[in-house]
Amino acid sequence: MKWRIYYADGTTFDDTQGELEDAPGLGVIVIVQKHPDSREGSYLQHRADYYIWADHRWWACDLFRLWQYWFVQKYNHSKVSLAGETIHNELYTRIVKAAKEDKDFYG
């Protein structure tokens, strides 16, 4: 497994369930992923308005970076972007904690 997306509704989606394009596009809270250099372990992308797939990993970004991604930059792969969601602090903390304790990445 390379990455897992955690959503505001409590669901997850990872690369074993489908392609990048199959991931639900709204309600992202946090993405946990293996570092491309496997010696570095895993890390989280969160606290962002948008997330984009570039250079073989997910990146958190703002609206300006999202526009660059879609309208300026060229990639040799499909472009995929996801939108984050603002939720209550208690729920946000619970979802991020689950991502930080994900045994597929930190076990």
PDB file of N, CA and C in Angstrom:
ATOM      1  N   MET A   1       0.840  -1.177   0.000  1.00  0.00           N
ATOM      2  CA  MET A   1       0.000   0.000   0.000  1.00  0.00           C
ATOM      3  C   MET A   1       0.889   1.246   0.000  1.00  0.00           C
ATOM      4  N   LYS A   2       0.505   2.225  -0.827  1.00  0.00           N
ATOM      5  CA  LYS A   2       1.312   3.441  -0.949  1.00  0.00           C
ATOM      6  C   LYS A   2       0.679   4.647  -0.263  1.00  0.00           C
ATOM      7  N   TRP A   3      -0.660   4.708  -0.247  1.00  0.00           N
ATOM      8  CA  TRP A   3      -1.332   5.851   0.350  1.00  0.00           C
ATOM      9  C   TRP A   3      -2.753   5.489   0.772  1.00  0.00           C
ATOM     10  N   ARG A   4      -3.293   6.269   1.721  1.00  0.00           N
ATOM     11  CA  ARG A   4      -4.681   6.114   2.165  1.00  0.00           C
ATOM     12  C   ARG A   4      -5.233   7.513   2.452  1.00  0.00           C
ATOM     13  N   ILE A   5      -6.437   7.751   1.964  1.00  0.00           N
ATOM     14  CA  ILE A   5      -7.124   9.030   2.163  1.00  0.00           C
ATOM     15  C   ILE A   5      -8.198   8.830   3.227  1.00  0.00           C
ATOM     16  N   TYR A   6      -8.250   9.730   4.191  1.00  0.00           N
ATOM     17  CA  TYR A   6      -9.263   9.728   5.243  1.00  0.00           C
ATOM     18  C   TYR A   6     -10.235  10.880   4.961  1.00  0.00           C
ATOM     19  N   TYR A   7     -11.528  10.568   5.020  1.00  0.00           N
ATOM     20  CA  TYR A   7     -12.572  11.536   4.689  1.00  0.00           C
ATOM     21  C   TYR A   7     -13.375  11.975   5.915  1.00  0.00           C
ATOM     22  N   ALA A   8     -14.048  13.121   5.779  1.00  0.00           N
ATOM     23  CA  ALA A   8     -14.840  13.704   6.869  1.00  0.00           C
ATOM     24  C   ALA A   8     -15.965  12.783   7.334  1.00  0.00           C
ATOM     25  N   ASP A   9     -16.476  11.945   6.453  1.00  0.00           N
ATOM     26  CA  ASP A   9     -17.576  11.048   6.831  1.00  0.00           C
ATOM     27  C   ASP A   9     -17.094   9.756   7.485  1.00  0.00           C
ATOM     28  N   GLY A  10     -15.782   9.650   7.731  1.00  0.00           N
ATOM     29  CA  GLY A  10     -15.226   8.483   8.408  1.00  0.00           C
ATOM     30  C   GLY A  10     -14.760   7.371   7.478  1.00  0.00           C
ATOM     31  N   THR A  11     -14.973   7.528   6.184  1.00  0.00           N
ATOM     32  CA  THR A  11     -14.529   6.506   5.239  1.00  0.00           C
ATOM     33  C   THR A  11     -13.067   6.734   4.851  1.00  0.00           C
ATOM     34  N   THR A  12     -12.490   5.726   4.219  1.00  0.00           N
ATOM     35  CA  THR A  12     -11.135   5.827   3.691  1.00  0.00           C
ATOM     36  C   THR A  12     -11.121   5.262   2.278  1.00  0.00           C
ATOM     37  N   PHE A  13     -10.079   5.612   1.549  1.00  0.00           N
ATOM     38  CA  PHE A  13      -9.846   5.053   0.214  1.00  0.00           C
ATOM     39  C   PHE A  13      -8.345   4.964   0.044  1.00  0.00           C
ATOM     40  N   ASP A  14      -7.865   3.806  -0.453  1.00  0.00           N
ATOM     41  CA  ASP A  14      -6.432   3.656  -0.656  1.00  0.00           C
ATOM     42  C   ASP A  14      -6.142   3.037  -2.017  1.00  0.00           C
ATOM     43  N   ASP A  15      -4.874   2.957  -2.344  1.00  0.00           N
ATOM     44  CA  ASP A  15      -4.474   2.510  -3.675  1.00  0.00           C
ATOM     45  C   ASP A  15      -4.768   1.038  -3.939  1.00  0.00           C
ATOM     46  N   THR A  16      -5.156   0.268  -2.931  1.00  0.00           N
ATOM     47  CA  THR A  16      -5.540  -1.125  -3.177  1.00  0.00           C
ATOM     48  C   THR A  16      -7.013  -1.225  -3.581  1.00  0.00           C
ATOM     49  N   GLN A  17      -7.768  -0.131  -3.421  1.00  0.00           N
ATOM     50  CA  GLN A  17      -9.192  -0.130  -3.737  1.00  0.00           C
ATOM     51  C   GLN A  17      -9.488   0.388  -5.138  1.00  0.00           C
ATOM     52  N   GLY A  18      -8.516   1.002  -5.765  1.00  0.00           N
ATOM     53  CA  GLY A  18      -8.737   1.545  -7.099  1.00  0.00           C
ATOM     54  C   GLY A  18      -7.635   2.499  -7.506  1.00  0.00           C
ATOM     55  N   GLU A  19      -7.845   3.098  -8.653  1.00  0.00           N
ATOM     56  CA  GLU A  19      -6.879   4.054  -9.200  1.00  0.00           C
ATOM     57  C   GLU A  19      -7.061   5.428  -8.547  1.00  0.00           C
ATOM     58  N   LEU A  20      -6.111   6.293  -8.771  1.00  0.00           N
ATOM     59  CA  LEU A  20      -6.201   7.667  -8.253  1.00  0.00           C
ATOM     60  C   LEU A  20      -7.524   8.314  -8.627  1.00  0.00           C
ATOM     61  N   GLU A  21      -7.912   8.147  -9.883  1.00  0.00           N
ATOM     62  CA  GLU A  21      -9.129   8.767 -10.398  1.00  0.00           C
ATOM     63  C   GLU A  21     -10.395   8.229  -9.735  1.00  0.00           C
ATOM     64  N   ASP A  22     -10.307   7.081  -9.085  1.00  0.00           N
ATOM     65  CA  ASP A  22     -11.467   6.480  -8.421  1.00  0.00           C
ATOM     66  C   ASP A  22     -11.724   7.044  -7.024  1.00  0.00           C
ATOM     67  N   ALA A  23     -10.755   7.732  -6.465  1.00  0.00           N
ATOM     68  CA  ALA A  23     -10.895   8.272  -5.112  1.00  0.00           C
ATOM     69  C   ALA A  23     -11.984   9.344  -5.080  1.00  0.00           C
ATOM     70  N   PRO A  24     -12.874   9.289  -4.078  1.00  0.00           N
ATOM     71  CA  PRO A  24     -13.876  10.358  -3.941  1.00  0.00           C
ATOM     72  C   PRO A  24     -13.171  11.717  -3.854  1.00  0.00           C
ATOM     73  N   GLY A  25     -13.708  12.702  -4.547  1.00  0.00           N
ATOM     74  CA  GLY A  25     -13.026  13.980  -4.694  1.00  0.00           C
ATOM     75  C   GLY A  25     -13.278  15.022  -3.626  1.00  0.00           C
ATOM     76  N   LEU A  26     -14.253  14.786  -2.737  1.00  0.00           N
ATOM     77  CA  LEU A  26     -14.616  15.802  -1.744  1.00  0.00           C
ATOM     78  C   LEU A  26     -14.494  15.257  -0.325  1.00  0.00           C
ATOM     79  N   GLY A  27     -14.259  16.155   0.620  1.00  0.00           N
ATOM     80  CA  GLY A  27     -14.294  15.797   2.035  1.00  0.00           C
ATOM     81  C   GLY A  27     -13.016  15.234   2.606  1.00  0.00           C
ATOM     82  N   VAL A  28     -11.884  15.496   1.964  1.00  0.00           N
ATOM     83  CA  VAL A  28     -10.610  14.959   2.445  1.00  0.00           C
ATOM     84  C   VAL A  28     -10.182  15.663   3.728  1.00  0.00           C
ATOM     85  N   ILE A  29      -9.745  14.874   4.709  1.00  0.00           N
ATOM     86  CA  ILE A  29      -9.225  15.415   5.963  1.00  0.00           C
ATOM     87  C   ILE A  29      -7.719  15.219   6.045  1.00  0.00           C
ATOM     88  N   VAL A  30      -7.259  14.025   5.719  1.00  0.00           N
ATOM     89  CA  VAL A  30      -5.820  13.734   5.813  1.00  0.00           C
ATOM     90  C   VAL A  30      -5.471  12.618   4.835  1.00  0.00           C
ATOM     91  N   ILE A  31      -4.259  12.676   4.306  1.00  0.00           N
ATOM     92  CA  ILE A  31      -3.734  11.600   3.467  1.00  0.00           C
ATOM     93  C   ILE A  31      -2.442  11.118   4.112  1.00  0.00           C
ATOM     94  N   VAL A  32      -2.374   9.824   4.367  1.00  0.00           N
ATOM     95  CA  VAL A  32      -1.141   9.220   4.878  1.00  0.00           C
ATOM     96  C   VAL A  32      -0.517   8.465   3.711  1.00  0.00           C
ATOM     97  N   GLN A  33       0.807   8.573   3.583  1.00  0.00           N
ATOM     98  CA  GLN A  33       1.468   7.929   2.459  1.00  0.00           C
ATOM     99  C   GLN A  33       2.900   7.556   2.796  1.00  0.00           C
ATOM    100  N   LYS A  34       3.376   6.561   2.082  1.00  0.00           N
ATOM    101  CA  LYS A  34       4.774   6.160   2.225  1.00  0.00           C
ATOM    102  C   LYS A  34       5.634   7.233   1.575  1.00  0.00           C
ATOM    103  N   HIS A  35       6.754   7.523   2.181  1.00  0.00           N
ATOM    104  CA  HIS A  35       7.694   8.458   1.577  1.00  0.00           C
ATOM    105  C   HIS A  35       8.290   7.780   0.348  1.00  0.00           C
ATOM    106  N   PRO A  36       8.458   8.516  -0.762  1.00  0.00           N
ATOM    107  CA  PRO A  36       9.040   7.897  -1.964  1.00  0.00           C
ATOM    108  C   PRO A  36      10.397   7.229  -1.704  1.00  0.00           C
ATOM    109  N   ASP A  37      11.160   7.785  -0.796  1.00  0.00           N
ATOM    110  CA  ASP A  37      12.399   7.146  -0.357  1.00  0.00           C
ATOM    111  C   ASP A  37      12.025   6.330   0.872  1.00  0.00           C
ATOM    112  N   SER A  38      11.799   5.040   0.696  1.00  0.00           N
ATOM    113  CA  SER A  38      11.220   4.206   1.754  1.00  0.00           C
ATOM    114  C   SER A  38      11.965   4.264   3.080  1.00  0.00           C
ATOM    115  N   ARG A  39      13.203   4.691   3.074  1.00  0.00           N
ATOM    116  CA  ARG A  39      13.952   4.801   4.331  1.00  0.00           C
ATOM    117  C   ARG A  39      13.404   5.908   5.218  1.00  0.00           C
ATOM    118  N   GLU A  40      12.652   6.817   4.630  1.00  0.00           N
ATOM    119  CA  GLU A  40      12.096   7.943   5.383  1.00  0.00           C
ATOM    120  C   GLU A  40      10.786   7.597   6.082  1.00  0.00           C
ATOM    121  N   GLY A  41      10.203   6.457   5.789  1.00  0.00           N
ATOM    122  CA  GLY A  41       8.962   6.052   6.440  1.00  0.00           C
ATOM    123  C   GLY A  41       7.735   6.672   5.802  1.00  0.00           C
ATOM    124  N   SER A  42       6.732   6.960   6.620  1.00  0.00           N
ATOM    125  CA  SER A  42       5.457   7.502   6.149  1.00  0.00           C
ATOM    126  C   SER A  42       5.247   8.911   6.693  1.00  0.00           C
ATOM    127  N   TYR A  43       4.337   9.636   6.058  1.00  0.00           N
ATOM    128  CA  TYR A  43       4.035  10.990   6.526  1.00  0.00           C
ATOM    129  C   TYR A  43       2.618  11.377   6.130  1.00  0.00           C
ATOM    130  N   LEU A  44       2.121  12.459   6.734  1.00  0.00           N
ATOM    131  CA  LEU A  44       0.760  12.934   6.515  1.00  0.00           C
ATOM    132  C   LEU A  44       0.745  14.210   5.682  1.00  0.00           C
ATOM    133  N   GLN A  45      -0.308  14.359   4.894  1.00  0.00           N
ATOM    134  CA  GLN A  45      -0.651  15.622   4.249  1.00  0.00           C
ATOM    135  C   GLN A  45      -2.034  15.985   4.786  1.00  0.00           C
ATOM    136  N   HIS A  46      -2.160  17.138   5.424  1.00  0.00           N
ATOM    137  CA  HIS A  46      -3.456  17.555   5.956  1.00  0.00           C
ATOM    138  C   HIS A  46      -3.458  19.063   6.139  1.00  0.00           C
ATOM    139  N   ARG A  47      -4.588  19.583   6.649  1.00  0.00           N
ATOM    140  CA  ARG A  47      -4.777  21.025   6.857  1.00  0.00           C
ATOM    141  C   ARG A  47      -4.699  21.815   5.559  1.00  0.00           C
ATOM    142  N   ALA A  48      -5.274  21.276   4.486  1.00  0.00           N
ATOM    143  CA  ALA A  48      -5.207  21.949   3.193  1.00  0.00           C
ATOM    144  C   ALA A  48      -6.591  22.058   2.561  1.00  0.00           C
ATOM    145  N   ASP A  49      -6.711  23.036   1.678  1.00  0.00           N
ATOM    146  CA  ASP A  49      -7.947  23.195   0.922  1.00  0.00           C
ATOM    147  C   ASP A  49      -8.042  22.161  -0.196  1.00  0.00           C
ATOM    148  N   TYR A  50      -6.886  21.835  -0.795  1.00  0.00           N
ATOM    149  CA  TYR A  50      -6.855  20.912  -1.930  1.00  0.00           C
ATOM    150  C   TYR A  50      -5.644  19.988  -1.816  1.00  0.00           C
ATOM    151  N   TYR A  51      -5.730  18.877  -2.547  1.00  0.00           N
ATOM    152  CA  TYR A  51      -4.641  17.909  -2.622  1.00  0.00           C
ATOM    153  C   TYR A  51      -4.479  17.518  -4.085  1.00  0.00           C
ATOM    154  N   ILE A  52      -3.235  17.439  -4.536  1.00  0.00           N
ATOM    155  CA  ILE A  52      -2.968  17.069  -5.925  1.00  0.00           C
ATOM    156  C   ILE A  52      -1.994  15.898  -5.981  1.00  0.00           C
ATOM    157  N   TRP A  53      -2.082  15.137  -7.050  1.00  0.00           N
ATOM    158  CA  TRP A  53      -1.159  14.030  -7.282  1.00  0.00           C
ATOM    159  C   TRP A  53      -0.098  14.509  -8.273  1.00  0.00           C
ATOM    160  N   ALA A  54       1.156  14.546  -7.825  1.00  0.00           N
ATOM    161  CA  ALA A  54       2.267  14.959  -8.683  1.00  0.00           C
ATOM    162  C   ALA A  54       3.542  14.301  -8.190  1.00  0.00           C
ATOM    163  N   ASP A  55       4.398  13.945  -9.116  1.00  0.00           N
ATOM    164  CA  ASP A  55       5.694  13.346  -8.765  1.00  0.00           C
ATOM    165  C   ASP A  55       5.542  12.127  -7.865  1.00  0.00           C
ATOM    166  N   HIS A  56       4.550  11.294  -8.156  1.00  0.00           N
ATOM    167  CA  HIS A  56       4.330  10.013  -7.478  1.00  0.00           C
ATOM    168  C   HIS A  56       3.924  10.131  -6.018  1.00  0.00           C
ATOM    169  N   ARG A  57       3.273  11.249  -5.662  1.00  0.00           N
ATOM    170  CA  ARG A  57       2.779  11.405  -4.285  1.00  0.00           C
ATOM    171  C   ARG A  57       1.706  12.485  -4.217  1.00  0.00           C
ATOM    172  N   TRP A  58       0.985  12.478  -3.103  1.00  0.00           N
ATOM    173  CA  TRP A  58      -0.020  13.504  -2.831  1.00  0.00           C
ATOM    174  C   TRP A  58       0.644  14.724  -2.212  1.00  0.00           C
ATOM    175  N   TRP A  59       0.198  15.900  -2.619  1.00  0.00           N
ATOM    176  CA  TRP A  59       0.688  17.168  -2.079  1.00  0.00           C
ATOM    177  C   TRP A  59      -0.503  17.999  -1.618  1.00  0.00           C
ATOM    178  N   ALA A  60      -0.392  18.612  -0.454  1.00  0.00           N
ATOM    179  CA  ALA A  60      -1.392  19.560   0.019  1.00  0.00           C
ATOM    180  C   ALA A  60      -1.129  20.893  -0.682  1.00  0.00           C
ATOM    181  N   CYS A  61      -2.209  21.630  -1.032  1.00  0.00           N
ATOM    182  CA  CYS A  61      -1.991  22.905  -1.718  1.00  0.00           C
ATOM    183  C   CYS A  61      -3.162  23.862  -1.511  1.00  0.00           C
ATOM    184  N   ASP A  62      -2.935  25.102  -1.916  1.00  0.00           N
ATOM    185  CA  ASP A  62      -3.974  26.121  -1.872  1.00  0.00           C
ATOM    186  C   ASP A  62      -4.559  26.303  -3.279  1.00  0.00           C
ATOM    187  N   LEU A  63      -5.485  27.234  -3.434  1.00  0.00           N
ATOM    188  CA  LEU A  63      -6.170  27.427  -4.708  1.00  0.00           C
ATOM    189  C   LEU A  63      -5.215  27.847  -5.819  1.00  0.00           C
ATOM    190  N   PHE A  64      -4.265  28.738  -5.535  1.00  0.00           N
ATOM    191  CA  PHE A  64      -3.324  29.179  -6.558  1.00  0.00           C
ATOM    192  C   PHE A  64      -2.506  28.004  -7.088  1.00  0.00           C
ATOM    193  N   ARG A  65      -2.020  27.168  -6.193  1.00  0.00           N
ATOM    194  CA  ARG A  65      -1.236  25.998  -6.612  1.00  0.00           C
ATOM    195  C   ARG A  65      -2.105  25.027  -7.402  1.00  0.00           C
ATOM    196  N   LEU A  66      -3.374  24.887  -7.034  1.00  0.00           N
ATOM    197  CA  LEU A  66      -4.293  24.021  -7.772  1.00  0.00           C
ATOM    198  C   LEU A  66      -4.453  24.525  -9.206  1.00  0.00           C
ATOM    199  N   TRP A  67      -4.605  25.828  -9.386  1.00  0.00           N
ATOM    200  CA  TRP A  67      -4.723  26.397 -10.738  1.00  0.00           C
ATOM    201  C   TRP A  67      -3.453  26.151 -11.551  1.00  0.00           C
ATOM    202  N   GLN A  68      -2.307  26.344 -10.919  1.00  0.00           N
ATOM    203  CA  GLN A  68      -1.049  26.047 -11.612  1.00  0.00           C
ATOM    204  C   GLN A  68      -1.036  24.609 -12.098  1.00  0.00           C
ATOM    205  N   TYR A  69      -1.382  23.707 -11.210  1.00  0.00           N
ATOM    206  CA  TYR A  69      -1.387  22.276 -11.505  1.00  0.00           C
ATOM    207  C   TYR A  69      -2.255  21.971 -12.732  1.00  0.00           C
ATOM    208  N   TRP A  70      -3.477  22.505 -12.738  1.00  0.00           N
ATOM    209  CA  TRP A  70      -4.413  22.178 -13.805  1.00  0.00           C
ATOM    210  C   TRP A  70      -4.167  22.923 -15.100  1.00  0.00           C
ATOM    211  N   PHE A  71      -3.720  24.176 -15.028  1.00  0.00           N
ATOM    212  CA  PHE A  71      -3.685  24.996 -16.243  1.00  0.00           C
ATOM    213  C   PHE A  71      -2.301  25.381 -16.748  1.00  0.00           C
ATOM    214  N   VAL A  72      -1.263  25.160 -15.952  1.00  0.00           N
ATOM    215  CA  VAL A  72       0.070  25.578 -16.367  1.00  0.00           C
ATOM    216  C   VAL A  72       1.020  24.393 -16.527  1.00  0.00           C
ATOM    217  N   GLN A  73       1.115  23.577 -15.523  1.00  0.00           N
ATOM    218  CA  GLN A  73       2.123  22.522 -15.527  1.00  0.00           C
ATOM    219  C   GLN A  73       1.716  21.318 -16.366  1.00  0.00           C
ATOM    220  N   LYS A  74       2.719  20.702 -16.957  1.00  0.00           N
ATOM    221  CA  LYS A  74       2.524  19.498 -17.753  1.00  0.00           C
ATOM    222  C   LYS A  74       3.114  18.312 -17.011  1.00  0.00           C
ATOM    223  N   TYR A  75       2.387  17.206 -17.008  1.00  0.00           N
ATOM    224  CA  TYR A  75       2.848  15.980 -16.362  1.00  0.00           C
ATOM    225  C   TYR A  75       2.684  14.817 -17.322  1.00  0.00           C
ATOM    226  N   ASN A  76       3.433  13.761 -17.102  1.00  0.00           N
ATOM    227  CA  ASN A  76       3.333  12.554 -17.915  1.00  0.00           C
ATOM    228  C   ASN A  76       2.358  11.558 -17.296  1.00  0.00           C
ATOM    229  N   HIS A  77       1.407  12.040 -16.529  1.00  0.00           N
ATOM    230  CA  HIS A  77       0.406  11.189 -15.901  1.00  0.00           C
ATOM    231  C   HIS A  77      -0.901  11.951 -15.799  1.00  0.00           C
ATOM    232  N   SER A  78      -1.964  11.244 -15.498  1.00  0.00           N
ATOM    233  CA  SER A  78      -3.262  11.884 -15.315  1.00  0.00           C
ATOM    234  C   SER A  78      -3.201  12.847 -14.139  1.00  0.00           C
ATOM    235  N   LYS A  79      -3.878  13.962 -14.263  1.00  0.00           N
ATOM    236  CA  LYS A  79      -3.956  14.915 -13.159  1.00  0.00           C
ATOM    237  C   LYS A  79      -5.168  14.567 -12.304  1.00  0.00           C
ATOM    238  N   VAL A  80      -4.946  14.512 -11.006  1.00  0.00           N
ATOM    239  CA  VAL A  80      -6.018  14.208 -10.054  1.00  0.00           C
ATOM    240  C   VAL A  80      -5.931  15.198  -8.915  1.00  0.00           C
ATOM    241  N   SER A  81      -7.061  15.787  -8.553  1.00  0.00           N
ATOM    242  CA  SER A  81      -7.096  16.689  -7.403  1.00  0.00           C
ATOM    243  C   SER A  81      -8.298  16.342  -6.537  1.00  0.00           C
ATOM    244  N   LEU A  82      -8.152  16.634  -5.255  1.00  0.00           N
ATOM    245  CA  LEU A  82      -9.184  16.363  -4.262  1.00  0.00           C
ATOM    246  C   LEU A  82      -9.412  17.636  -3.448  1.00  0.00           C
ATOM    247  N   ALA A  83     -10.589  17.777  -2.877  1.00  0.00           N
ATOM    248  CA  ALA A  83     -10.904  18.949  -2.063  1.00  0.00           C
ATOM    249  C   ALA A  83     -11.020  18.557  -0.594  1.00  0.00           C
ATOM    250  N   GLY A  84     -10.436  19.388   0.260  1.00  0.00           N
ATOM    251  CA  GLY A  84     -10.528  19.191   1.695  1.00  0.00           C
ATOM    252  C   GLY A  84     -11.866  19.689   2.210  1.00  0.00           C
ATOM    253  N   GLU A  85     -12.079  19.472   3.494  1.00  0.00           N
ATOM    254  CA  GLU A  85     -13.320  19.921   4.126  1.00  0.00           C
ATOM    255  C   GLU A  85     -13.022  20.389   5.542  1.00  0.00           C
ATOM    256  N   THR A  86     -13.696  21.434   5.958  1.00  0.00           N
ATOM    257  CA  THR A  86     -13.569  21.923   7.324  1.00  0.00           C
ATOM    258  C   THR A  86     -14.610  21.216   8.187  1.00  0.00           C
ATOM    259  N   ILE A  87     -14.160  20.675   9.313  1.00  0.00           N
ATOM    260  CA  ILE A  87     -15.054  19.960  10.229  1.00  0.00           C
ATOM    261  C   ILE A  87     -14.763  20.397  11.664  1.00  0.00           C
ATOM    262  N   HIS A  88     -15.601  19.961  12.600  1.00  0.00           N
ATOM    263  CA  HIS A  88     -15.399  20.285  14.015  1.00  0.00           C
ATOM    264  C   HIS A  88     -14.049  19.748  14.492  1.00  0.00           C
ATOM    265  N   ASN A  89     -13.413  20.479  15.399  1.00  0.00           N
ATOM    266  CA  ASN A  89     -12.090  20.097  15.905  1.00  0.00           C
ATOM    267  C   ASN A  89     -12.042  18.684  16.483  1.00  0.00           C
ATOM    268  N   GLU A  90     -13.069  18.312  17.219  1.00  0.00           N
ATOM    269  CA  GLU A  90     -13.080  16.992  17.848  1.00  0.00           C
ATOM    270  C   GLU A  90     -13.030  15.882  16.799  1.00  0.00           C
ATOM    271  N   LEU A  91     -13.842  16.002  15.760  1.00  0.00           N
ATOM    272  CA  LEU A  91     -13.855  15.005  14.689  1.00  0.00           C
ATOM    273  C   LEU A  91     -12.536  15.031  13.911  1.00  0.00           C
ATOM    274  N   TYR A  92     -12.049  16.237  13.628  1.00  0.00           N
ATOM    275  CA  TYR A  92     -10.764  16.372  12.922  1.00  0.00           C
ATOM    276  C   TYR A  92      -9.643  15.669  13.700  1.00  0.00           C
ATOM    277  N   THR A  93      -9.576  15.916  14.997  1.00  0.00           N
ATOM    278  CA  THR A  93      -8.543  15.308  15.845  1.00  0.00           C
ATOM    279  C   THR A  93      -8.653  13.791  15.836  1.00  0.00           C
ATOM    280  N   ARG A  94      -9.872  13.268  15.881  1.00  0.00           N
ATOM    281  CA  ARG A  94     -10.083  11.826  15.870  1.00  0.00           C
ATOM    282  C   ARG A  94      -9.613  11.199  14.541  1.00  0.00           C
ATOM    283  N   ILE A  95      -9.909  11.847  13.427  1.00  0.00           N
ATOM    284  CA  ILE A  95      -9.516  11.311  12.119  1.00  0.00           C
ATOM    285  C   ILE A  95      -8.002  11.377  11.930  1.00  0.00           C
ATOM    286  N   VAL A  96      -7.382  12.485  12.314  1.00  0.00           N
ATOM    287  CA  VAL A  96      -5.922  12.601  12.191  1.00  0.00           C
ATOM    288  C   VAL A  96      -5.229  11.583  13.093  1.00  0.00           C
ATOM    289  N   LYS A  97      -5.766  11.374  14.287  1.00  0.00           N
ATOM    290  CA  LYS A  97      -5.195  10.370  15.198  1.00  0.00           C
ATOM    291  C   LYS A  97      -5.245   8.981  14.561  1.00  0.00           C
ATOM    292  N   ALA A  98      -6.360   8.656  13.935  1.00  0.00           N
ATOM    293  CA  ALA A  98      -6.485   7.354  13.264  1.00  0.00           C
ATOM    294  C   ALA A  98      -5.451   7.212  12.151  1.00  0.00           C
ATOM    295  N   ALA A  99      -5.227   8.278  11.414  1.00  0.00           N
ATOM    296  CA  ALA A  99      -4.212   8.237  10.341  1.00  0.00           C
ATOM    297  C   ALA A  99      -2.811   8.064  10.913  1.00  0.00           C
ATOM    298  N   LYS A 100      -2.512   8.742  12.010  1.00  0.00           N
ATOM    299  CA  LYS A 100      -1.197   8.636  12.641  1.00  0.00           C
ATOM    300  C   LYS A 100      -0.959   7.260  13.243  1.00  0.00           C
ATOM    301  N   GLU A 101      -2.022   6.535  13.542  1.00  0.00           N
ATOM    302  CA  GLU A 101      -1.909   5.203  14.139  1.00  0.00           C
ATOM    303  C   GLU A 101      -2.189   4.091  13.135  1.00  0.00           C
ATOM    304  N   ASP A 102      -2.292   4.431  11.863  1.00  0.00           N
ATOM    305  CA  ASP A 102      -2.594   3.456  10.819  1.00  0.00           C
ATOM    306  C   ASP A 102      -1.489   2.416  10.743  1.00  0.00           C
ATOM    307  N   LYS A 103      -1.808   1.190  11.075  1.00  0.00           N
ATOM    308  CA  LYS A 103      -0.806   0.109  11.152  1.00  0.00           C
ATOM    309  C   LYS A 103      -0.199  -0.245   9.786  1.00  0.00           C
ATOM    310  N   ASP A 104      -0.889   0.082   8.703  1.00  0.00           N
ATOM    311  CA  ASP A 104      -0.325  -0.159   7.382  1.00  0.00           C
ATOM    312  C   ASP A 104       0.826   0.788   7.067  1.00  0.00           C
ATOM    313  N   PHE A 105       0.924   1.877   7.825  1.00  0.00           N
ATOM    314  CA  PHE A 105       1.974   2.859   7.578  1.00  0.00           C
ATOM    315  C   PHE A 105       2.911   3.051   8.761  1.00  0.00           C
ATOM    316  N   TYR A 106       2.395   2.847   9.966  1.00  0.00           N
ATOM    317  CA  TYR A 106       3.199   3.077  11.172  1.00  0.00           C
ATOM    318  C   TYR A 106       3.276   1.860  12.079  1.00  0.00           C
ATOM    319  N   GLY A 107       3.041   0.674  11.550  1.00  0.00           N
ATOM    320  CA  GLY A 107       2.982  -0.505  12.395  1.00  0.00           C
ATOM    321  C   GLY A 107       4.152  -1.332  12.354  1.00  0.00           C
TER     322      GLY A 107
END
